[in-house]
């Protein structure tokens, strides 16, 4: 489904760090943070163990507590809602816009209550959410905005990079992301007090100037190691090239899919002036049986994924919190028709043709009346 783009410079730098003997809390962590802050356009960056850790820390700083509510989308990876539960808060799901697949800003204001602590938009698949409307709503109601930008490094909303619209934003660098640190994430913010608190919270609650065994607050071990930070430094040195390669692969997919009826790709829309391609997702017409198509593609050796199952219909959300089908119909309808195809920046034309031919054959096999695709 994906493949990290690792070159010899990446390997050499990580090897150099291993030989240095300083494997944690060293110079590459600081360098990585400075480079990320500069790239995004934020004043501060605090690297953490993964994107989920970053989201968790932001929920704590946003004041989420027992019963505190956070308005967010049900169409996302489950971590975006789990981070609210970690603080004993309540995810308040709002249905999505069918074109952008992001939270529907027309529904957000009605979901705000006296218990609302934050709005957590997800820039799903690298498509920016409508941040102007969300920030206007948040300002009217004095609630915090945290951007889940874990899938969106380099994306731009109205010409401005995501990660600079909220009180804080979180990026992630798992191996399927636009760039990777193996595991790892970063929180960016313009607020020096948030940055100070984030550095303490990720490091077992130690103060920046305190002793190693002095803990000012309840914290976590959410540190990012030096090897991961060094890999991030190396990857950032060519991040625009990495993004460009992924964009070129997406463009080749767009062209190849034009000949397959019943299939349409997710495309930039709304205020998106640059989409940073995290995965390549298509939507199938309602009459096409997605699971059967996926099985036929798997039989051809072509993996796919149903990005994303709605969070509220995950088994433990239904069991523990009483969610049920039908509560967020657009997210559920979209989820039933989305299919992620193999995607990374080094796919060549032959790879893309093989995937698209396999998709056309699968559609012909399961729904020949809907097909007629050229194979």
Protein backbone atom coordinates (compact mmCIF):
# COMPACT_ATOMS: atom_id res chain seq x y z
CA UNK A 1 0.00 0.00 0.00
CA UNK A 2 2.83 2.42 0.76
CA UNK A 3 6.61 2.64 0.96
CA UNK A 4 8.88 5.16 2.70
CA UNK A 5 11.34 7.02 0.49
CA UNK A 6 14.69 6.39 2.21
CA UNK A 7 17.95 7.32 0.50
CA UNK A 8 21.64 6.96 1.33
CA UNK A 9 21.81 10.39 2.97
CA UNK A 10 19.07 9.33 5.39
CA UNK A 11 20.94 6.14 6.22
CA UNK A 12 24.28 7.92 6.62
CA UNK A 13 22.90 10.49 9.04
CA UNK A 14 21.16 7.93 11.23
CA UNK A 15 24.34 5.85 11.25
CA UNK A 16 26.33 8.91 12.31
CA UNK A 17 23.95 9.49 15.21
CA UNK A 18 24.20 5.86 16.32
CA UNK A 19 27.98 6.13 16.34
CA UNK A 20 27.84 9.37 18.34
CA UNK A 21 26.47 7.61 21.41
CA UNK A 22 23.91 10.39 22.07
CA UNK A 23 20.65 8.70 21.21
CA UNK A 24 18.10 10.86 23.06
CA UNK A 25 17.56 14.55 23.87
CA UNK A 26 20.39 15.72 21.68
CA UNK A 27 21.20 18.28 18.98
CA UNK A 28 19.22 16.64 16.20
CA UNK A 29 15.99 16.92 18.16
CA UNK A 30 16.48 20.68 18.43
CA UNK A 31 17.51 20.95 14.79
CA UNK A 32 14.51 18.98 13.61
CA UNK A 33 12.15 21.15 15.65
CA UNK A 34 13.67 24.35 14.28
CA UNK A 35 13.44 23.11 10.70
CA UNK A 36 9.82 22.00 11.06
CA UNK A 37 8.79 25.30 12.65
CA UNK A 38 10.46 27.18 9.81
CA UNK A 39 8.88 24.99 7.13
CA UNK A 40 5.35 25.27 8.52
CA UNK A 41 5.67 28.93 9.48
CA UNK A 42 5.13 28.51 13.22
CA UNK A 43 7.15 30.05 16.07
CA UNK A 44 7.58 26.82 18.02
CA UNK A 45 7.74 23.10 17.28
CA UNK A 46 7.85 20.34 19.86
CA UNK A 47 8.67 16.86 18.58
CA UNK A 48 6.90 13.89 20.15
CA UNK A 49 6.82 10.12 19.84
CA UNK A 50 3.94 10.07 17.35
CA UNK A 51 1.00 12.10 16.14
CA UNK A 52 -1.38 10.53 18.64
CA UNK A 53 0.85 11.67 21.51
CA UNK A 54 0.84 15.20 20.12
CA UNK A 55 -2.95 15.25 19.88
CA UNK A 56 -3.25 13.95 23.42
CA UNK A 57 -1.03 16.70 24.81
CA UNK A 58 -3.04 19.33 22.92
CA UNK A 59 -6.27 18.05 24.43
CA UNK A 60 -4.77 18.38 27.90
CA UNK A 61 -3.62 21.94 27.25
CA UNK A 62 -7.00 22.84 25.72
CA UNK A 63 -8.59 22.06 29.08
CA UNK A 64 -10.41 18.89 28.09
CA UNK A 65 -11.51 17.16 31.29
CA UNK A 66 -14.26 14.90 32.64
CA UNK A 67 -17.13 15.43 30.22
CA UNK A 68 -15.38 18.24 28.35
CA UNK A 69 -16.54 18.23 24.75
CA UNK A 70 -14.48 18.45 21.58
CA UNK A 71 -16.20 18.89 18.22
CA UNK A 72 -14.59 16.75 15.54
CA UNK A 73 -15.19 14.56 12.51
CA UNK A 74 -16.22 10.88 12.53
CA UNK A 75 -14.40 10.36 9.20
CA UNK A 76 -10.79 9.97 10.28
CA UNK A 77 -8.26 7.59 11.75
CA UNK A 78 -9.47 6.61 15.21
CA UNK A 79 -6.63 8.42 17.04
CA UNK A 80 -8.22 11.82 16.42
CA UNK A 81 -11.15 10.90 18.68
CA UNK A 82 -9.24 8.61 21.05
CA UNK A 83 -7.04 11.51 22.14
CA UNK A 84 -10.15 13.16 23.60
CA UNK A 85 -11.08 10.03 25.51
CA UNK A 86 -7.58 9.88 27.05
CA UNK A 87 -8.53 13.01 29.02
CA UNK A 88 -11.97 11.60 29.84
CA UNK A 89 -13.53 14.05 27.43
CA UNK A 90 -16.36 13.49 24.98
CA UNK A 91 -15.94 13.52 21.20
CA UNK A 92 -18.87 15.39 19.68
CA UNK A 93 -19.02 14.21 16.11
CA UNK A 94 -20.33 16.42 13.33
CA UNK A 95 -21.07 14.99 9.90
CA UNK A 96 -18.84 15.76 6.94
CA UNK A 97 -19.08 17.72 3.73
CA UNK A 98 -19.46 15.24 0.89
CA UNK A 99 -17.09 17.05 -1.46
CA UNK A 100 -14.12 17.82 0.80
CA UNK A 101 -14.77 14.90 3.22
CA UNK A 102 -13.85 17.28 6.06
CA UNK A 103 -16.04 18.40 8.93
CA UNK A 104 -19.10 20.29 7.66
CA UNK A 105 -18.64 23.79 9.03
CA UNK A 106 -22.35 24.52 8.57
CA UNK A 107 -23.09 22.05 11.39
CA UNK A 108 -20.39 23.01 13.87
CA UNK A 109 -21.94 26.00 15.61
CA UNK A 110 -25.10 24.11 16.51
CA UNK A 111 -22.97 21.48 18.26
CA UNK A 112 -21.33 23.93 20.67
CA UNK A 113 -22.46 23.79 24.30
CA UNK A 114 -21.27 25.16 27.62
CA UNK A 115 -19.04 22.06 27.86
CA UNK A 116 -17.26 22.63 24.55
CA UNK A 117 -13.52 23.00 25.08
CA UNK A 118 -12.15 22.71 21.55
CA UNK A 119 -12.77 22.15 17.86
CA UNK A 120 -10.54 19.50 16.29
CA UNK A 121 -10.73 19.57 12.48
CA UNK A 122 -8.91 16.86 10.54
CA UNK A 123 -7.28 17.76 7.22
CA UNK A 124 -8.27 14.37 5.88
CA UNK A 125 -6.07 12.80 3.18
CA UNK A 126 -4.16 16.11 2.99
CA UNK A 127 -7.26 18.18 2.08
CA UNK A 128 -7.42 21.28 4.32
CA UNK A 129 -10.57 21.89 6.31
CA UNK A 130 -12.39 25.22 5.99
CA UNK A 131 -10.30 27.01 8.59
CA UNK A 132 -11.72 30.51 8.08
CA UNK A 133 -15.21 29.43 9.08
CA UNK A 134 -13.99 27.23 11.91
CA UNK A 135 -11.85 29.99 13.40
CA UNK A 136 -14.72 32.47 13.16
CA UNK A 137 -16.97 30.07 15.06
CA UNK A 138 -14.28 29.38 17.65
CA UNK A 139 -13.70 33.09 18.22
CA UNK A 140 -17.42 33.75 18.73
CA UNK A 141 -17.61 31.02 21.36
CA UNK A 142 -14.13 31.34 22.92
CA UNK A 143 -13.08 27.76 22.24
CA UNK A 144 -9.68 26.44 21.20
CA UNK A 145 -8.92 25.18 17.70
CA UNK A 146 -6.38 22.38 17.31
CA UNK A 147 -5.59 21.23 13.77
CA UNK A 148 -5.13 17.52 13.19
CA UNK A 149 -2.67 17.94 10.33
CA UNK A 150 -1.19 14.45 10.73
CA UNK A 151 -2.00 13.68 7.07
CA UNK A 152 -1.30 17.12 5.65
CA UNK A 153 2.33 18.26 5.84
CA UNK A 154 2.79 20.86 3.11
CA UNK A 155 -0.91 21.33 2.35
CA UNK A 156 -2.09 24.90 1.85
CA UNK A 157 -5.41 26.56 2.54
CA UNK A 158 -5.88 29.78 0.57
CA UNK A 159 -2.14 29.97 -0.02
CA UNK A 160 -1.12 29.43 3.62
CA UNK A 161 0.29 26.22 5.05
CA UNK A 162 -1.92 24.21 7.35
CA UNK A 163 -0.63 24.11 10.89
CA UNK A 164 -0.78 27.89 11.25
CA UNK A 165 -4.51 28.40 11.76
CA UNK A 166 -5.20 27.00 15.22
CA UNK A 167 -3.83 27.39 18.70
CA UNK A 168 -1.70 24.38 17.80
CA UNK A 169 -1.43 21.74 15.10
CA UNK A 170 -0.09 18.21 15.02
CA UNK A 171 1.83 16.51 12.21
CA UNK A 172 2.79 12.84 12.05
CA UNK A 173 5.62 10.98 10.32
CA UNK A 174 4.64 7.31 10.21
CA UNK A 175 6.25 5.48 7.23
CA UNK A 176 3.18 5.98 5.00
CA UNK A 177 3.23 9.76 5.43
CA UNK A 178 4.64 12.36 3.04
CA UNK A 179 7.95 12.21 4.92
CA UNK A 180 8.91 9.86 7.72
CA UNK A 181 10.84 9.63 10.95
CA UNK A 182 9.84 5.96 11.37
CA UNK A 183 7.49 6.78 14.17
CA UNK A 184 7.21 10.37 15.34
CA UNK A 185 5.20 13.55 15.32
CA UNK A 186 5.43 17.22 16.12
CA UNK A 187 3.20 19.89 17.66
CA UNK A 188 3.54 23.40 16.26
CA UNK A 189 2.24 26.54 17.96
CA UNK A 190 2.86 30.27 18.13
CA UNK A 191 2.15 30.32 21.87
CA UNK A 192 5.35 30.22 23.98
CA UNK A 193 3.43 29.03 27.04
CA UNK A 194 1.97 26.09 25.15
CA UNK A 195 5.42 25.25 23.79
CA UNK A 196 6.91 25.33 27.29
CA UNK A 197 4.15 23.12 28.67
CA UNK A 198 4.43 20.69 25.74
CA UNK A 199 8.17 20.25 26.33
CA UNK A 200 7.50 19.46 29.97
CA UNK A 201 4.56 17.13 29.35
CA UNK A 202 6.44 15.05 26.75
CA UNK A 203 9.35 14.62 29.20
CA UNK A 204 7.70 13.15 32.29
CA UNK A 205 6.60 16.58 33.54
CA UNK A 206 10.13 17.91 34.02
CA UNK A 207 10.58 21.68 33.87
CA UNK A 208 13.01 23.00 31.26
CA UNK A 209 15.36 24.36 33.92
CA UNK A 210 14.61 21.78 36.62
CA UNK A 211 16.60 18.76 37.74
CA UNK A 212 16.35 15.42 35.96
CA UNK A 213 14.48 13.86 38.86
CA UNK A 214 12.32 16.91 39.59
CA UNK A 215 8.83 16.75 38.13
CA UNK A 216 6.59 19.83 38.10
CA UNK A 217 3.49 18.15 36.70
CA UNK A 218 2.09 14.80 35.68
CA UNK A 219 3.74 14.09 32.35
CA UNK A 220 4.42 11.32 29.87
CA UNK A 221 7.30 9.71 28.09
CA UNK A 222 6.39 11.09 24.68
CA UNK A 223 9.94 12.01 23.64
CA UNK A 224 11.29 11.57 20.12
CA UNK A 225 14.69 9.83 19.96
CA UNK A 226 17.72 11.27 18.19
CA UNK A 227 17.75 8.69 15.37
CA UNK A 228 14.18 9.55 14.42
CA UNK A 229 14.89 13.27 14.68
CA UNK A 230 17.97 12.87 12.51
CA UNK A 231 15.98 10.99 9.89
CA UNK A 232 13.49 13.86 10.01
CA UNK A 233 16.26 16.41 9.44
CA UNK A 234 17.45 14.49 6.40
CA UNK A 235 13.94 13.98 5.00
CA UNK A 236 13.06 17.65 5.48
CA UNK A 237 16.05 18.64 3.35
CA UNK A 238 14.14 17.22 0.35
CA UNK A 239 10.56 17.50 1.51
CA UNK A 240 9.47 19.54 -1.51
CA UNK A 241 10.87 16.86 -3.79
CA UNK A 242 9.02 14.17 -1.84
CA UNK A 243 5.77 16.14 -2.07
CA UNK A 244 6.32 16.76 -5.77
CA UNK A 245 6.84 13.07 -6.49
CA UNK A 246 3.61 12.18 -4.71
CA UNK A 247 1.72 14.90 -6.55
CA UNK A 248 3.05 13.58 -9.87
CA UNK A 249 1.91 10.04 -9.01
CA UNK A 250 -1.54 11.37 -8.10
CA UNK A 251 -1.72 13.19 -11.45
CA UNK A 252 -0.83 10.00 -13.33
CA UNK A 253 -3.53 8.13 -11.41
CA UNK A 254 -6.05 10.87 -12.32
CA UNK A 255 -5.30 10.40 -16.00
CA UNK A 256 -5.29 6.59 -15.95
CA UNK A 257 -8.61 6.41 -14.08
CA UNK A 258 -10.50 8.47 -16.65
CA UNK A 259 -11.14 5.34 -18.70
CA UNK A 260 -12.78 3.43 -15.84
CA UNK A 261 -16.52 4.17 -15.43
CA UNK A 262 -17.93 4.33 -11.93
CA UNK A 263 -14.69 5.54 -10.33
CA UNK A 264 -13.76 9.09 -9.39
CA UNK A 265 -10.73 10.28 -7.43
CA UNK A 266 -10.75 12.58 -4.42
CA UNK A 267 -9.61 15.96 -5.74
CA UNK A 268 -8.57 19.31 -4.23
CA UNK A 269 -11.60 21.52 -3.59
CA UNK A 270 -12.86 24.53 -1.69
CA UNK A 271 -10.05 26.65 -0.26
CA UNK A 272 -7.37 24.04 -1.03
CA UNK A 273 -4.59 25.73 -2.95
CA UNK A 274 -2.21 22.82 -2.44
CA UNK A 275 -3.12 19.27 -1.53
CA UNK A 276 -0.37 17.26 0.09
CA UNK A 277 -1.11 13.70 -1.00
CA UNK A 278 -1.15 11.34 1.99
CA UNK A 279 -3.01 8.46 0.33
CA UNK A 280 -4.72 8.12 -3.03
CA UNK A 281 -8.42 7.48 -2.50
CA UNK A 282 -11.13 6.95 -5.08
CA UNK A 283 -14.88 6.84 -4.65
CA UNK A 284 -16.93 4.12 -6.31
CA UNK A 285 -20.43 4.67 -7.60
CA UNK A 286 -23.10 3.53 -5.18
CA UNK A 287 -23.98 0.48 -7.30
CA UNK A 288 -20.44 -0.95 -7.19
CA UNK A 289 -19.79 -3.49 -4.39
CA UNK A 290 -16.60 -2.18 -2.79
CA UNK A 291 -15.72 -5.26 -0.76
CA UNK A 292 -16.08 -7.56 -3.77
CA UNK A 293 -13.90 -5.25 -5.85
CA UNK A 294 -11.25 -5.18 -3.12
CA UNK A 295 -11.27 -8.98 -2.96
CA UNK A 296 -10.82 -9.28 -6.72
CA UNK A 297 -7.92 -6.83 -6.60
CA UNK A 298 -6.32 -8.73 -3.73
CA UNK A 299 -6.56 -11.93 -5.79
CA UNK A 300 -4.50 -10.10 -8.44
CA UNK A 301 -1.89 -9.18 -5.83
CA UNK A 302 -3.04 -5.56 -5.54
CA UNK A 303 -3.76 -4.36 -1.99
CA UNK A 304 -6.44 -1.77 -1.19
CA UNK A 305 -7.92 -0.28 1.99
CA UNK A 306 -11.34 1.10 2.95
CA UNK A 307 -10.16 4.53 4.13
CA UNK A 308 -11.78 5.33 6.57
CA UNK A 309 -14.35 3.28 8.50
CA UNK A 310 -16.36 5.85 10.52
CA UNK A 311 -15.00 6.22 14.04
CA UNK A 312 -18.42 6.13 15.67
CA UNK A 313 -19.03 2.67 14.18
CA UNK A 314 -15.79 1.18 15.47
CA UNK A 315 -16.68 -1.77 17.74
CA UNK A 316 -15.67 -0.24 21.04
CA UNK A 317 -17.32 3.12 20.26
CA UNK A 318 -20.59 1.29 19.60
CA UNK A 319 -20.20 -0.93 22.64
CA UNK A 320 -18.98 1.62 25.19
CA UNK A 321 -20.60 4.85 23.98
CA UNK A 322 -23.80 3.73 22.30
CA UNK A 323 -23.17 4.97 18.77
CA UNK A 324 -25.21 3.35 16.02
CA UNK A 325 -25.53 3.39 12.24
CA UNK A 326 -27.44 6.29 10.75
CA UNK A 327 -26.22 9.02 13.11
CA UNK A 328 -23.82 10.57 10.59
CA UNK A 329 -25.22 9.51 7.24
CA UNK A 330 -22.84 11.36 4.93
CA UNK A 331 -19.74 10.01 6.64
CA UNK A 332 -21.25 6.53 6.54
CA UNK A 333 -22.21 6.81 2.88
CA UNK A 334 -18.80 8.15 1.89
CA UNK A 335 -17.03 5.48 3.92
CA UNK A 336 -18.94 2.74 2.13
CA UNK A 337 -17.70 3.96 -1.27
CA UNK A 338 -14.05 4.91 -0.67
CA UNK A 339 -11.13 2.75 -1.73
CA UNK A 340 -7.46 3.62 -1.20
CA UNK A 341 -5.13 2.40 -3.92
CA UNK A 342 -1.40 1.65 -3.54
CA UNK A 343 0.39 4.98 -3.27
CA UNK A 344 3.85 6.40 -2.69
CA UNK A 345 6.21 8.73 -4.48
CA UNK A 346 8.19 6.06 -6.33
CA UNK A 347 5.34 4.35 -8.17
CA UNK A 348 6.12 4.29 -11.89
CA UNK A 349 3.81 4.31 -14.90
CA UNK A 350 3.81 0.52 -15.11
CA UNK A 351 2.81 0.24 -11.43
CA UNK A 352 -0.06 2.66 -11.93
CA UNK A 353 -1.25 0.89 -15.07
CA UNK A 354 -1.19 -2.43 -13.27
CA UNK A 355 -3.32 -1.05 -10.43
CA UNK A 356 -5.81 0.62 -12.78
CA UNK A 357 -6.04 -2.43 -15.03
CA UNK A 358 -6.67 -4.55 -11.94
CA UNK A 359 -9.38 -2.15 -10.78
CA UNK A 360 -11.04 -2.26 -14.22
CA UNK A 361 -10.94 -6.08 -14.25
CA UNK A 362 -12.40 -6.21 -10.75
CA UNK A 363 -15.28 -3.94 -11.72
CA UNK A 364 -15.93 -5.98 -14.85
CA UNK A 365 -15.97 -9.16 -12.77
CA UNK A 366 -18.40 -7.99 -10.10
CA UNK A 367 -20.56 -5.49 -11.97
CA UNK A 368 -20.17 -5.95 -15.73
CA UNK A 369 -23.28 -3.86 -16.44
CA UNK A 370 -21.64 -0.88 -14.76
CA UNK A 371 -18.30 -1.34 -16.41
CA UNK A 372 -17.25 -1.31 -20.04
CA UNK A 373 -13.81 -0.17 -18.96
CA UNK A 374 -10.90 -0.59 -21.31
CA UNK A 375 -8.38 -3.07 -19.95
